């Protein structure tokens, strides 16, 4: 029997995905979510594993980019983008089907 390894996305992976799909630099994205640019860079490169501001960051991304905070926090593997403001944003991510 063969098992399939499903990679786990880190917070940095999720932040990077949203930022790239929004066609923003790290500095622009950091400004949009209201954090210092250097601190944001550390998060995206997973130099800081559990930022104290994690919930606040997830909510800021949800507010600015329409990506569910639960997905940003890794609480779900699927997201349902709400009010996405950029074409193609999250196109490669698994999306919940509307049931």
C-alpha atoms as a PDB file:
ATOM      1  CA  UNK A   1       0.000   0.000   0.000  1.00  0.00           C
ATOM      2  CA  UNK A   2       1.349   3.381  -1.008  1.00  0.00           C
ATOM      3  CA  UNK A   3       0.774   6.434   1.119  1.00  0.00           C
ATOM      4  CA  UNK A   4       0.623   9.894  -0.321  1.00  0.00           C
ATOM      5  CA  UNK A   5       2.391  12.724   1.450  1.00  0.00           C
ATOM      6  CA  UNK A   6       0.400  15.932   1.458  1.00  0.00           C
ATOM      7  CA  UNK A   7       2.653  18.889   2.239  1.00  0.00           C
ATOM      8  CA  UNK A   8       1.615  21.172   5.054  1.00  0.00           C
ATOM      9  CA  UNK A   9       1.547  24.858   4.287  1.00  0.00           C
ATOM     10  CA  UNK A  10       3.246  27.065   6.852  1.00  0.00           C
ATOM     11  CA  UNK A  11       2.036  30.545   7.717  1.00  0.00           C
ATOM     12  CA  UNK A  12       4.872  31.847   5.525  1.00  0.00           C
ATOM     13  CA  UNK A  13       3.657  29.752   2.577  1.00  0.00           C
ATOM     14  CA  UNK A  14       0.125  31.076   2.988  1.00  0.00           C
ATOM     15  CA  UNK A  15       1.234  34.710   3.325  1.00  0.00           C
ATOM     16  CA  UNK A  16       3.509  34.388   0.291  1.00  0.00           C
ATOM     17  CA  UNK A  17       0.725  32.848  -1.793  1.00  0.00           C
ATOM     18  CA  UNK A  18      -1.733  35.631  -1.038  1.00  0.00           C
ATOM     19  CA  UNK A  19       0.914  38.337  -1.543  1.00  0.00           C
ATOM     20  CA  UNK A  20       2.102  36.961  -4.895  1.00  0.00           C
ATOM     21  CA  UNK A  21      -1.424  36.504  -6.188  1.00  0.00           C
ATOM     22  CA  UNK A  22      -2.097  40.115  -5.238  1.00  0.00           C
ATOM     23  CA  UNK A  23       1.012  41.129  -7.257  1.00  0.00           C
ATOM     24  CA  UNK A  24       2.512  43.003  -4.316  1.00  0.00           C
ATOM     25  CA  UNK A  25       6.043  43.248  -2.979  1.00  0.00           C
ATOM     26  CA  UNK A  26       6.711  42.226   0.606  1.00  0.00           C
ATOM     27  CA  UNK A  27       6.914  45.914   1.526  1.00  0.00           C
ATOM     28  CA  UNK A  28       3.577  46.737  -0.127  1.00  0.00           C
ATOM     29  CA  UNK A  29       1.859  43.748   1.476  1.00  0.00           C
ATOM     30  CA  UNK A  30       3.285  44.586   4.910  1.00  0.00           C
ATOM     31  CA  UNK A  31       2.023  48.148   4.579  1.00  0.00           C
ATOM     32  CA  UNK A  32      -1.462  46.905   3.595  1.00  0.00           C
ATOM     33  CA  UNK A  33      -1.765  44.648   6.647  1.00  0.00           C
ATOM     34  CA  UNK A  34      -0.186  47.203   8.955  1.00  0.00           C
ATOM     35  CA  UNK A  35       3.060  45.539  10.063  1.00  0.00           C
ATOM     36  CA  UNK A  36       6.709  46.522   9.858  1.00  0.00           C
ATOM     37  CA  UNK A  37       8.321  45.384   6.625  1.00  0.00           C
ATOM     38  CA  UNK A  38      11.216  43.542   8.278  1.00  0.00           C
ATOM     39  CA  UNK A  39       8.880  41.698  10.610  1.00  0.00           C
ATOM     40  CA  UNK A  40       6.667  40.657   7.702  1.00  0.00           C
ATOM     41  CA  UNK A  41       9.700  39.324   5.820  1.00  0.00           C
ATOM     42  CA  UNK A  42      10.570  37.153   8.843  1.00  0.00           C
ATOM     43  CA  UNK A  43       7.056  35.703   8.856  1.00  0.00           C
ATOM     44  CA  UNK A  44       7.024  34.939   5.155  1.00  0.00           C
ATOM     45  CA  UNK A  45      10.382  33.165   5.350  1.00  0.00           C
ATOM     46  CA  UNK A  46       9.286  31.260   8.481  1.00  0.00           C
ATOM     47  CA  UNK A  47      12.047  32.767  10.604  1.00  0.00           C
ATOM     48  CA  UNK A  48       9.380  33.411  13.240  1.00  0.00           C
ATOM     49  CA  UNK A  49       7.342  30.260  13.759  1.00  0.00           C
ATOM     50  CA  UNK A  50       4.471  31.609  15.877  1.00  0.00           C
ATOM     51  CA  UNK A  51       4.230  35.394  15.800  1.00  0.00           C
ATOM     52  CA  UNK A  52       2.424  36.721  18.848  1.00  0.00           C
ATOM     53  CA  UNK A  53       0.254  38.760  16.531  1.00  0.00           C
ATOM     54  CA  UNK A  54      -0.828  35.684  14.541  1.00  0.00           C
ATOM     55  CA  UNK A  55      -4.583  36.123  14.969  1.00  0.00           C
ATOM     56  CA  UNK A  56      -4.356  39.842  14.253  1.00  0.00           C
ATOM     57  CA  UNK A  57      -2.301  39.193  11.101  1.00  0.00           C
ATOM     58  CA  UNK A  58      -4.815  36.597   9.872  1.00  0.00           C
ATOM     59  CA  UNK A  59      -7.679  39.019  10.442  1.00  0.00           C
ATOM     60  CA  UNK A  60      -5.820  41.804   8.635  1.00  0.00           C
ATOM     61  CA  UNK A  61      -5.242  39.560   5.614  1.00  0.00           C
ATOM     62  CA  UNK A  62      -8.908  38.558   5.673  1.00  0.00           C
ATOM     63  CA  UNK A  63     -10.015  42.193   5.833  1.00  0.00           C
ATOM     64  CA  UNK A  64      -7.624  43.429   3.128  1.00  0.00           C
ATOM     65  CA  UNK A  65      -7.637  40.484   0.714  1.00  0.00           C
ATOM     66  CA  UNK A  66     -10.795  38.473   1.434  1.00  0.00           C
ATOM     67  CA  UNK A  67      -8.935  35.294   2.453  1.00  0.00           C
ATOM     68  CA  UNK A  68     -10.450  33.468   5.428  1.00  0.00           C
ATOM     69  CA  UNK A  69      -8.531  33.923   8.679  1.00  0.00           C
ATOM     70  CA  UNK A  70      -9.112  30.236   9.501  1.00  0.00           C
ATOM     71  CA  UNK A  71      -7.145  29.242   6.385  1.00  0.00           C
ATOM     72  CA  UNK A  72      -4.358  31.706   7.188  1.00  0.00           C
ATOM     73  CA  UNK A  73      -4.121  30.158  10.668  1.00  0.00           C
ATOM     74  CA  UNK A  74      -3.965  26.651   9.241  1.00  0.00           C
ATOM     75  CA  UNK A  75      -7.247  25.646  10.868  1.00  0.00           C
ATOM     76  CA  UNK A  76      -8.611  24.467   7.535  1.00  0.00           C
ATOM     77  CA  UNK A  77      -6.982  23.207   4.355  1.00  0.00           C
ATOM     78  CA  UNK A  78      -9.592  24.891   2.181  1.00  0.00           C
ATOM     79  CA  UNK A  79     -10.592  28.499   1.820  1.00  0.00           C
ATOM     80  CA  UNK A  80     -13.556  30.311   0.466  1.00  0.00           C
ATOM     81  CA  UNK A  81     -12.339  33.693  -0.704  1.00  0.00           C
ATOM     82  CA  UNK A  82     -14.734  36.493   0.143  1.00  0.00           C
ATOM     83  CA  UNK A  83     -14.677  39.700  -1.882  1.00  0.00           C
ATOM     84  CA  UNK A  84     -11.375  38.893  -3.595  1.00  0.00           C
ATOM     85  CA  UNK A  85     -10.021  42.077  -5.105  1.00  0.00           C
ATOM     86  CA  UNK A  86      -7.362  40.650  -7.432  1.00  0.00           C
ATOM     87  CA  UNK A  87      -7.913  38.459 -10.513  1.00  0.00           C
ATOM     88  CA  UNK A  88      -6.428  34.999 -10.029  1.00  0.00           C
ATOM     89  CA  UNK A  89      -6.037  35.379  -6.273  1.00  0.00           C
ATOM     90  CA  UNK A  90      -6.035  31.932  -4.721  1.00  0.00           C
ATOM     91  CA  UNK A  91      -6.729  30.251  -8.055  1.00  0.00           C
ATOM     92  CA  UNK A  92      -4.337  27.401  -7.247  1.00  0.00           C
ATOM     93  CA  UNK A  93      -5.630  26.840  -3.721  1.00  0.00           C
ATOM     94  CA  UNK A  94      -8.178  24.195  -2.825  1.00  0.00           C
ATOM     95  CA  UNK A  95     -11.522  25.921  -2.502  1.00  0.00           C
ATOM     96  CA  UNK A  96     -14.584  24.748  -0.617  1.00  0.00           C
ATOM     97  CA  UNK A  97     -17.393  23.881  -2.938  1.00  0.00           C
ATOM     98  CA  UNK A  98     -20.553  25.845  -2.397  1.00  0.00           C
ATOM     99  CA  UNK A  99     -22.919  23.283  -0.908  1.00  0.00           C
END
